[in-house]
Amino acid sequence: MEIVERKLDELELYERNSRYHGEAQVAQIIRSIEEFGFTNPILVNDNGRVIAGHGRLLAARELGLESVPTIALTGLTEAQERAYIIADNKLALNATWDDVMLKLEVADLEAMDFDMEIIGFEDVEFLSLFGDGQNDPNLEWKGMPEYDNEDQTAFRTIKIHFANQDDVDTFTKLLNRQITEKTKYLWYPEAEIGHVTDKRYSSES
């Protein structure tokens, strides 16, 4: 397959792409491009519609690049194109980290004074990787506003507002929970709540 430089205005994002690229993640891709260059070509169909590389295209636009390397995937049916868009993201998510090797690599990079933000890990993730399994609450709540939780007797409610979807995803990942459009509340630590009247605050829950 031939790598071809194409102008950005010749490329089109797939409007039904199910993988969300928030501002924070696009900023990480920008940092990666600035550090390593545009090392991963964007995959497109015959008409220039993106099949894989939506985040890279968004980052290229933010950087003001005139063109990017692309590879045209020819001969795919419409169904194959749409399936590959999902598979390209999902298959990558199915991989797991070798924590032992990851620790070694991260430790070596830190010793080399490399900017660790570029590789995309959050401080809390590094803490989980190198810590004793207990998260440092001071680090987890760094930057959070002060909150005075009014005593509501049977209920303890904390409302958290997020700046973007990336922050929501990070928060729910830490809790190992899922937020959907129908989610009314999250109970942490996780508990089976049959009715809202069953929701009681307990330090033992």
Protein backbone atom coordinates (compact mmCIF):
# COMPACT_ATOMS: atom_id res chain seq x y z
CA MET A 1 0.00 0.00 0.00
CA GLU A 2 1.35 3.37 -1.03
CA ILE A 3 1.62 6.29 1.38
CA VAL A 4 0.34 9.46 -0.27
CA GLU A 5 0.44 13.03 1.09
CA ARG A 6 -3.04 14.54 0.85
CA LYS A 7 -4.25 18.03 1.71
CA LEU A 8 -6.48 18.28 4.73
CA ASP A 9 -9.36 19.78 2.76
CA GLU A 10 -9.42 16.58 0.68
CA LEU A 11 -10.17 14.47 3.75
CA GLU A 12 -13.53 14.01 5.42
CA LEU A 13 -14.30 12.74 8.91
CA TYR A 14 -16.85 9.93 9.14
CA GLU A 15 -19.78 11.67 10.81
CA ARG A 16 -20.99 8.49 12.53
CA ASN A 17 -17.64 7.59 14.05
CA SER A 18 -18.48 6.03 17.42
CA ARG A 19 -15.08 6.75 18.96
CA TYR A 20 -15.11 10.14 20.73
CA HIS A 21 -11.99 12.32 20.60
CA GLY A 22 -12.22 15.03 23.27
CA GLU A 23 -10.11 18.16 23.46
CA ALA A 24 -7.76 16.67 26.05
CA GLN A 25 -7.06 13.59 23.96
CA VAL A 26 -6.56 15.60 20.77
CA ALA A 27 -4.09 17.75 22.71
CA GLN A 28 -2.18 14.57 23.63
CA ILE A 29 -2.07 13.55 19.97
CA ILE A 30 -0.76 17.02 19.09
CA ARG A 31 2.04 16.62 21.65
CA SER A 32 2.86 13.22 20.20
CA ILE A 33 3.03 14.59 16.64
CA GLU A 34 5.24 17.46 17.79
CA GLU A 35 7.59 15.05 19.55
CA PHE A 36 7.72 12.13 17.12
CA GLY A 37 6.33 13.52 13.86
CA PHE A 38 3.34 12.21 11.90
CA THR A 39 4.39 8.57 12.12
CA ASN A 40 1.02 6.87 11.55
CA PRO A 41 -0.70 7.53 8.20
CA ILE A 42 -4.45 8.15 8.12
CA LEU A 43 -6.44 5.39 6.45
CA VAL A 44 -9.03 6.65 3.97
CA ASN A 45 -11.40 5.25 1.36
CA ASP A 46 -11.37 6.10 -2.35
CA ASN A 47 -13.30 9.32 -1.67
CA GLY A 48 -11.03 10.59 1.09
CA ARG A 49 -13.35 9.68 3.95
CA VAL A 50 -11.40 8.69 7.05
CA ILE A 51 -11.55 5.04 8.06
CA ALA A 52 -8.89 5.16 10.77
CA GLY A 53 -7.17 8.25 12.13
CA HIS A 54 -9.96 10.64 13.10
CA GLY A 55 -8.03 11.89 16.13
CA ARG A 56 -4.88 12.39 14.06
CA LEU A 57 -6.82 14.41 11.49
CA LEU A 58 -8.32 16.62 14.22
CA ALA A 59 -4.84 17.16 15.65
CA ALA A 60 -3.45 17.98 12.20
CA ARG A 61 -6.13 20.63 11.75
CA GLU A 62 -5.31 22.15 15.14
CA LEU A 63 -1.62 22.22 14.18
CA GLY A 64 -2.42 23.97 10.92
CA LEU A 65 -0.77 21.31 8.78
CA GLU A 66 -1.38 21.59 5.04
CA SER A 67 -1.20 17.87 4.33
CA VAL A 68 -0.83 14.51 6.05
CA PRO A 69 0.34 11.03 5.00
CA THR A 70 -2.52 8.74 4.02
CA ILE A 71 -3.07 5.19 2.83
CA ALA A 72 -6.10 4.44 0.66
CA LEU A 73 -7.92 1.21 1.47
CA THR A 74 -9.44 0.34 -1.87
CA GLY A 75 -11.95 -2.35 -2.71
CA LEU A 76 -13.74 -2.41 0.65
CA THR A 77 -17.52 -2.56 0.71
CA GLU A 78 -19.49 0.05 2.67
CA ALA A 79 -20.13 -2.53 5.37
CA GLN A 80 -16.44 -3.43 5.60
CA GLU A 81 -15.44 0.22 5.91
CA ARG A 82 -17.90 0.89 8.70
CA ALA A 83 -16.96 -2.32 10.50
CA TYR A 84 -13.25 -1.53 10.27
CA ILE A 85 -13.79 1.91 11.81
CA ILE A 86 -15.14 0.17 14.91
CA ALA A 87 -12.69 -2.74 14.84
CA ASP A 88 -9.63 -0.48 14.55
CA ASN A 89 -10.51 1.12 17.87
CA LYS A 90 -11.97 -1.86 19.71
CA LEU A 91 -9.21 -4.35 18.89
CA ALA A 92 -6.61 -1.93 20.27
CA LEU A 93 -8.61 -1.60 23.50
CA ASN A 94 -8.63 -5.37 23.90
CA ALA A 95 -4.86 -5.43 24.45
CA THR A 96 -3.54 -5.44 28.02
CA TRP A 97 -0.39 -4.04 29.62
CA ASP A 98 2.47 -6.14 30.87
CA ASP A 99 2.83 -4.20 34.12
CA VAL A 100 6.35 -5.49 34.80
CA MET A 101 7.67 -4.36 31.42
CA LEU A 102 5.70 -1.12 31.57
CA LYS A 103 7.23 -0.24 34.94
CA LEU A 104 10.71 -0.87 33.57
CA GLU A 105 10.11 1.29 30.50
CA VAL A 106 8.48 4.13 32.45
CA ALA A 107 11.24 4.10 35.05
CA ASP A 108 13.92 4.26 32.34
CA LEU A 109 12.15 7.12 30.55
CA GLU A 110 11.89 9.08 33.80
CA ALA A 111 15.61 8.51 34.39
CA MET A 112 16.21 9.97 30.93
CA ASP A 113 14.20 13.10 31.95
CA PHE A 114 11.67 12.43 29.22
CA ASP A 115 8.41 14.41 29.37
CA MET A 116 6.07 11.69 30.62
CA GLU A 117 2.91 13.60 29.67
CA ILE A 118 3.65 12.82 26.04
CA ILE A 119 2.99 9.08 26.45
CA GLY A 120 -0.58 9.78 27.59
CA PHE A 121 -0.71 8.44 31.15
CA GLU A 122 -2.34 10.40 33.98
CA ASP A 123 -0.66 10.94 37.38
CA VAL A 124 -3.21 8.65 39.04
CA GLU A 125 -2.33 5.87 36.60
CA PHE A 126 1.37 6.20 37.41
CA LEU A 127 0.52 6.11 41.11
CA SER A 128 -1.49 2.93 40.62
CA LEU A 129 1.36 1.40 38.62
CA PHE A 130 4.15 2.17 41.08
CA GLY A 131 2.24 2.49 44.35
CA ASP A 132 1.24 -0.15 46.84
CA GLY A 133 -2.27 -0.35 45.46
CA GLN A 134 -3.56 2.43 47.70
CA ASN A 135 -4.33 5.64 45.84
CA ASP A 136 -3.09 8.88 47.35
CA PRO A 137 -6.27 10.93 47.98
CA ASN A 138 -4.29 14.17 47.83
CA LEU A 139 -3.23 13.34 44.28
CA GLU A 140 -6.63 12.00 43.22
CA TRP A 141 -8.40 15.18 44.36
CA LYS A 142 -5.73 17.57 43.14
CA GLY A 143 -7.38 20.58 41.50
CA MET A 144 -10.85 19.70 42.79
CA PRO A 145 -12.83 22.58 44.33
CA GLU A 146 -13.58 22.63 48.03
CA TYR A 147 -16.95 21.03 48.77
CA ASP A 148 -19.09 21.40 51.87
CA ASN A 149 -21.53 18.49 51.82
CA GLU A 150 -24.69 19.57 53.57
CA ASP A 151 -25.96 16.95 55.97
CA GLN A 152 -29.14 15.55 54.42
CA THR A 153 -29.61 12.95 57.17
CA ALA A 154 -30.47 9.80 55.20
CA PHE A 155 -28.70 10.94 52.05
CA ARG A 156 -25.20 12.05 51.24
CA THR A 157 -25.07 13.66 47.82
CA ILE A 158 -22.06 14.99 45.97
CA LYS A 159 -22.64 16.54 42.57
CA ILE A 160 -19.63 16.67 40.26
CA HIS A 161 -19.52 18.67 37.06
CA PHE A 162 -16.95 17.83 34.39
CA ALA A 163 -15.40 20.10 31.78
CA ASN A 164 -15.48 17.52 29.00
CA GLN A 165 -16.22 13.89 28.12
CA ASP A 166 -12.59 12.86 28.65
CA ASP A 167 -12.86 13.85 32.32
CA VAL A 168 -16.10 11.86 32.66
CA ASP A 169 -14.45 8.80 31.10
CA THR A 170 -11.42 9.08 33.41
CA PHE A 171 -13.63 9.44 36.50
CA THR A 172 -15.84 6.47 35.68
CA LYS A 173 -12.79 4.37 34.81
CA LEU A 174 -11.36 5.03 38.29
CA LEU A 175 -14.65 3.88 39.83
CA ASN A 176 -14.94 0.97 37.40
CA ARG A 177 -18.48 2.14 36.66
CA GLN A 178 -20.37 3.26 33.59
CA ILE A 179 -22.38 6.43 33.01
CA THR A 180 -25.13 6.43 30.42
CA GLU A 181 -27.80 8.93 29.44
CA LYS A 182 -30.18 7.17 31.83
CA THR A 183 -27.80 7.14 34.80
CA LYS A 184 -29.36 9.00 37.72
CA TYR A 185 -26.62 8.49 40.32
CA LEU A 186 -23.56 6.42 41.14
CA TRP A 187 -23.11 4.67 44.45
CA TYR A 188 -19.51 4.24 45.54
CA PRO A 189 -18.33 1.82 46.78
CA GLU A 190 -20.64 -0.09 44.45
CA ALA A 191 -23.82 -1.43 46.03
CA GLU A 192 -27.02 -2.96 44.75
CA ILE A 193 -29.69 -0.30 45.18
CA GLY A 194 -33.24 -1.43 44.50
CA HIS A 195 -34.99 1.86 45.24
CA VAL A 196 -33.85 5.39 45.89
CA THR A 197 -35.24 5.09 49.43
CA ASP A 198 -32.72 2.28 50.00
CA LYS A 199 -29.84 4.61 49.32
CA ARG A 200 -28.31 5.32 52.70
CA TYR A 201 -24.88 6.62 53.53
CA SER A 202 -22.77 4.10 55.40
CA SER A 203 -19.04 4.08 55.98
CA GLU A 204 -19.25 0.29 55.81
CA SER A 205 -20.93 0.16 52.37
